Amino acid sequence: MSLVLTAFLFVLYYGYILLVGLNRELLATRIGATTTLGIPLGMGVIVGAWMLTAVYVAWANRRYDADVRALRARLER
């Protein structure tokens, strides 16, 4: 699971960096009086990273919390 989420994160980050490097004109497109398309896409990268982190935390809590409780119970005996 962590490798899959890491791959998604790399695609998200490096996809944005490649877009900056290879298609600046697209990111310079104005979508408001002073805002360009690059700003909301950059914010999307940040929000996407938070979402991937939240997915991992939820998965890890479901997966590992029961194992940690069982290990603690075994060690306390």
N, C-alpha and C. Protein backbone atom coordinates (compact mmCIF):
# COMPACT_ATOMS: atom_id res chain seq x y z
N MET A 1 0.81 -1.19 0.00
CA MET A 1 0.00 0.00 0.00
C MET A 1 0.86 1.26 0.00
N SER A 2 1.89 1.25 0.82
CA SER A 2 2.73 2.44 0.90
C SER A 2 3.47 2.69 -0.42
N LEU A 3 3.85 1.63 -1.11
CA LEU A 3 4.52 1.82 -2.41
C LEU A 3 3.57 2.38 -3.46
N VAL A 4 2.34 1.94 -3.43
CA VAL A 4 1.34 2.45 -4.38
C VAL A 4 1.08 3.93 -4.12
N LEU A 5 0.90 4.29 -2.85
CA LEU A 5 0.66 5.69 -2.52
C LEU A 5 1.89 6.55 -2.81
N THR A 6 3.07 6.00 -2.60
CA THR A 6 4.30 6.73 -2.94
C THR A 6 4.38 6.97 -4.43
N ALA A 7 4.01 5.98 -5.23
CA ALA A 7 4.01 6.14 -6.68
C ALA A 7 3.03 7.24 -7.10
N PHE A 8 1.85 7.26 -6.49
CA PHE A 8 0.88 8.32 -6.78
C PHE A 8 1.44 9.70 -6.43
N LEU A 9 2.12 9.77 -5.29
CA LEU A 9 2.69 11.04 -4.86
C LEU A 9 3.78 11.51 -5.83
N PHE A 10 4.63 10.59 -6.27
CA PHE A 10 5.66 10.95 -7.25
C PHE A 10 5.04 11.44 -8.55
N VAL A 11 4.01 10.76 -9.01
CA VAL A 11 3.33 11.18 -10.25
C VAL A 11 2.74 12.58 -10.06
N LEU A 12 2.14 12.82 -8.91
CA LEU A 12 1.54 14.11 -8.62
C LEU A 12 2.60 15.22 -8.62
N TYR A 13 3.64 15.05 -7.82
CA TYR A 13 4.68 16.08 -7.73
C TYR A 13 5.45 16.24 -9.03
N TYR A 14 5.99 15.15 -9.53
CA TYR A 14 6.84 15.27 -10.72
C TYR A 14 6.04 15.56 -11.98
N GLY A 15 4.77 15.19 -11.99
CA GLY A 15 3.91 15.60 -13.09
C GLY A 15 3.77 17.10 -13.14
N TYR A 16 3.58 17.70 -11.98
CA TYR A 16 3.48 19.17 -11.92
C TYR A 16 4.80 19.82 -12.32
N ILE A 17 5.90 19.29 -11.83
CA ILE A 17 7.21 19.86 -12.17
C ILE A 17 7.48 19.72 -13.67
N LEU A 18 7.14 18.57 -14.24
CA LEU A 18 7.30 18.41 -15.69
C LEU A 18 6.40 19.37 -16.45
N LEU A 19 5.21 19.60 -15.97
CA LEU A 19 4.32 20.55 -16.61
C LEU A 19 4.90 21.95 -16.56
N VAL A 20 5.49 22.31 -15.44
CA VAL A 20 6.14 23.62 -15.33
C VAL A 20 7.29 23.71 -16.34
N GLY A 21 8.07 22.66 -16.45
CA GLY A 21 9.23 22.69 -17.33
C GLY A 21 8.90 22.58 -18.80
N LEU A 22 7.86 21.84 -19.14
CA LEU A 22 7.59 21.55 -20.54
C LEU A 22 6.44 22.35 -21.15
N ASN A 23 5.57 22.91 -20.33
CA ASN A 23 4.42 23.63 -20.87
C ASN A 23 4.10 24.85 -20.01
N ARG A 24 5.03 25.76 -19.95
CA ARG A 24 4.84 26.98 -19.14
C ARG A 24 3.67 27.82 -19.64
N GLU A 25 3.46 27.80 -20.95
CA GLU A 25 2.38 28.62 -21.52
C GLU A 25 1.03 28.22 -20.94
N LEU A 26 0.82 26.92 -20.76
CA LEU A 26 -0.44 26.45 -20.18
C LEU A 26 -0.61 26.97 -18.75
N LEU A 27 0.44 26.86 -17.96
CA LEU A 27 0.36 27.32 -16.58
C LEU A 27 0.26 28.83 -16.47
N ALA A 28 0.70 29.55 -17.49
CA ALA A 28 0.63 31.01 -17.48
C ALA A 28 -0.72 31.52 -17.96
N THR A 29 -1.61 30.63 -18.34
CA THR A 29 -2.94 31.02 -18.80
C THR A 29 -3.70 31.70 -17.66
N ARG A 30 -4.20 32.88 -17.93
CA ARG A 30 -4.94 33.62 -16.89
C ARG A 30 -6.34 33.04 -16.73
N ILE A 31 -6.74 32.86 -15.46
CA ILE A 31 -8.10 32.39 -15.18
C ILE A 31 -8.85 33.42 -14.34
N GLY A 32 -8.25 34.54 -14.15
CA GLY A 32 -8.85 35.64 -13.41
C GLY A 32 -8.07 36.90 -13.72
N ALA A 33 -8.32 37.93 -12.97
CA ALA A 33 -7.62 39.19 -13.21
C ALA A 33 -6.12 39.06 -12.95
N THR A 34 -5.76 38.35 -11.89
CA THR A 34 -4.34 38.23 -11.56
C THR A 34 -3.89 36.78 -11.38
N THR A 35 -4.81 35.85 -11.40
CA THR A 35 -4.46 34.45 -11.13
C THR A 35 -4.20 33.69 -12.43
N THR A 36 -3.18 32.85 -12.40
CA THR A 36 -2.90 31.99 -13.54
C THR A 36 -3.28 30.55 -13.19
N LEU A 37 -3.33 29.71 -14.18
CA LEU A 37 -3.72 28.32 -13.98
C LEU A 37 -2.73 27.57 -13.08
N GLY A 38 -1.49 28.00 -13.04
CA GLY A 38 -0.47 27.34 -12.23
C GLY A 38 -0.75 27.39 -10.74
N ILE A 39 -1.39 28.46 -10.28
CA ILE A 39 -1.67 28.61 -8.85
C ILE A 39 -2.64 27.55 -8.35
N PRO A 40 -3.83 27.40 -8.94
CA PRO A 40 -4.72 26.35 -8.45
C PRO A 40 -4.18 24.94 -8.68
N LEU A 41 -3.42 24.73 -9.73
CA LEU A 41 -2.82 23.41 -9.94
C LEU A 41 -1.79 23.12 -8.86
N GLY A 42 -1.01 24.11 -8.48
CA GLY A 42 -0.04 23.94 -7.39
C GLY A 42 -0.73 23.66 -6.07
N MET A 43 -1.85 24.37 -5.83
CA MET A 43 -2.61 24.09 -4.61
C MET A 43 -3.21 22.69 -4.67
N GLY A 44 -3.58 22.25 -5.85
CA GLY A 44 -4.10 20.89 -6.02
C GLY A 44 -3.06 19.84 -5.68
N VAL A 45 -1.81 20.11 -6.01
CA VAL A 45 -0.72 19.19 -5.65
C VAL A 45 -0.61 19.08 -4.13
N ILE A 46 -0.69 20.20 -3.45
CA ILE A 46 -0.59 20.19 -1.99
C ILE A 46 -1.77 19.45 -1.37
N VAL A 47 -2.97 19.76 -1.83
CA VAL A 47 -4.16 19.09 -1.30
C VAL A 47 -4.13 17.60 -1.62
N GLY A 48 -3.66 17.26 -2.83
CA GLY A 48 -3.54 15.85 -3.20
C GLY A 48 -2.57 15.11 -2.29
N ALA A 49 -1.46 15.76 -1.94
CA ALA A 49 -0.50 15.13 -1.02
C ALA A 49 -1.14 14.91 0.35
N TRP A 50 -1.91 15.90 0.83
CA TRP A 50 -2.61 15.72 2.10
C TRP A 50 -3.59 14.56 2.03
N MET A 51 -4.31 14.45 0.92
CA MET A 51 -5.29 13.37 0.78
C MET A 51 -4.60 12.00 0.75
N LEU A 52 -3.48 11.89 0.04
CA LEU A 52 -2.75 10.63 0.02
C LEU A 52 -2.23 10.28 1.41
N THR A 53 -1.78 11.29 2.16
CA THR A 53 -1.34 11.05 3.53
C THR A 53 -2.49 10.57 4.40
N ALA A 54 -3.66 11.18 4.24
CA ALA A 54 -4.83 10.78 5.02
C ALA A 54 -5.24 9.35 4.69
N VAL A 55 -5.15 8.97 3.42
CA VAL A 55 -5.48 7.60 3.02
C VAL A 55 -4.51 6.62 3.70
N TYR A 56 -3.22 6.97 3.70
CA TYR A 56 -2.25 6.08 4.32
C TYR A 56 -2.48 5.97 5.83
N VAL A 57 -2.74 7.09 6.49
CA VAL A 57 -2.96 7.06 7.94
C VAL A 57 -4.18 6.20 8.27
N ALA A 58 -5.26 6.38 7.52
CA ALA A 58 -6.47 5.57 7.77
C ALA A 58 -6.18 4.09 7.55
N TRP A 59 -5.46 3.77 6.48
CA TRP A 59 -5.12 2.37 6.20
C TRP A 59 -4.23 1.80 7.30
N ALA A 60 -3.20 2.56 7.67
CA ALA A 60 -2.26 2.08 8.69
C ALA A 60 -2.95 1.90 10.03
N ASN A 61 -3.85 2.81 10.39
CA ASN A 61 -4.57 2.67 11.65
C ASN A 61 -5.43 1.41 11.65
N ARG A 62 -6.11 1.15 10.55
CA ARG A 62 -6.93 -0.07 10.47
C ARG A 62 -6.07 -1.31 10.49
N ARG A 63 -4.96 -1.27 9.81
CA ARG A 63 -4.12 -2.45 9.62
C ARG A 63 -3.25 -2.75 10.83
N TYR A 64 -2.63 -1.74 11.40
CA TYR A 64 -1.60 -1.97 12.40
C TYR A 64 -2.06 -1.83 13.85
N ASP A 65 -3.13 -1.10 14.10
CA ASP A 65 -3.55 -0.91 15.50
C ASP A 65 -3.89 -2.23 16.18
N ALA A 66 -4.59 -3.11 15.50
CA ALA A 66 -4.94 -4.42 16.09
C ALA A 66 -3.68 -5.24 16.35
N ASP A 67 -2.74 -5.19 15.43
CA ASP A 67 -1.48 -5.92 15.60
C ASP A 67 -0.69 -5.38 16.78
N VAL A 68 -0.66 -4.05 16.95
CA VAL A 68 0.07 -3.45 18.06
C VAL A 68 -0.58 -3.84 19.39
N ARG A 69 -1.91 -3.82 19.46
CA ARG A 69 -2.60 -4.24 20.69
C ARG A 69 -2.29 -5.70 21.02
N ALA A 70 -2.30 -6.56 20.00
CA ALA A 70 -2.01 -7.98 20.23
C ALA A 70 -0.57 -8.17 20.71
N LEU A 71 0.36 -7.45 20.12
CA LEU A 71 1.76 -7.55 20.53
C LEU A 71 1.95 -7.05 21.96
N ARG A 72 1.31 -5.95 22.31
CA ARG A 72 1.41 -5.44 23.68
C ARG A 72 0.84 -6.44 24.68
N ALA A 73 -0.29 -7.06 24.32
CA ALA A 73 -0.91 -8.04 25.22
C ALA A 73 0.03 -9.23 25.41
N ARG A 74 0.69 -9.66 24.36
CA ARG A 74 1.63 -10.80 24.47
C ARG A 74 2.84 -10.42 25.32
N LEU A 75 3.32 -9.20 25.18
CA LEU A 75 4.51 -8.76 25.93
C LEU A 75 4.19 -8.55 27.41
N GLU A 76 2.94 -8.21 27.74
CA GLU A 76 2.58 -7.97 29.13
C GLU A 76 2.38 -9.26 29.92
N ARG A 77 2.26 -10.38 29.24
CA ARG A 77 2.06 -11.66 29.94
C ARG A 77 3.29 -12.13 30.61
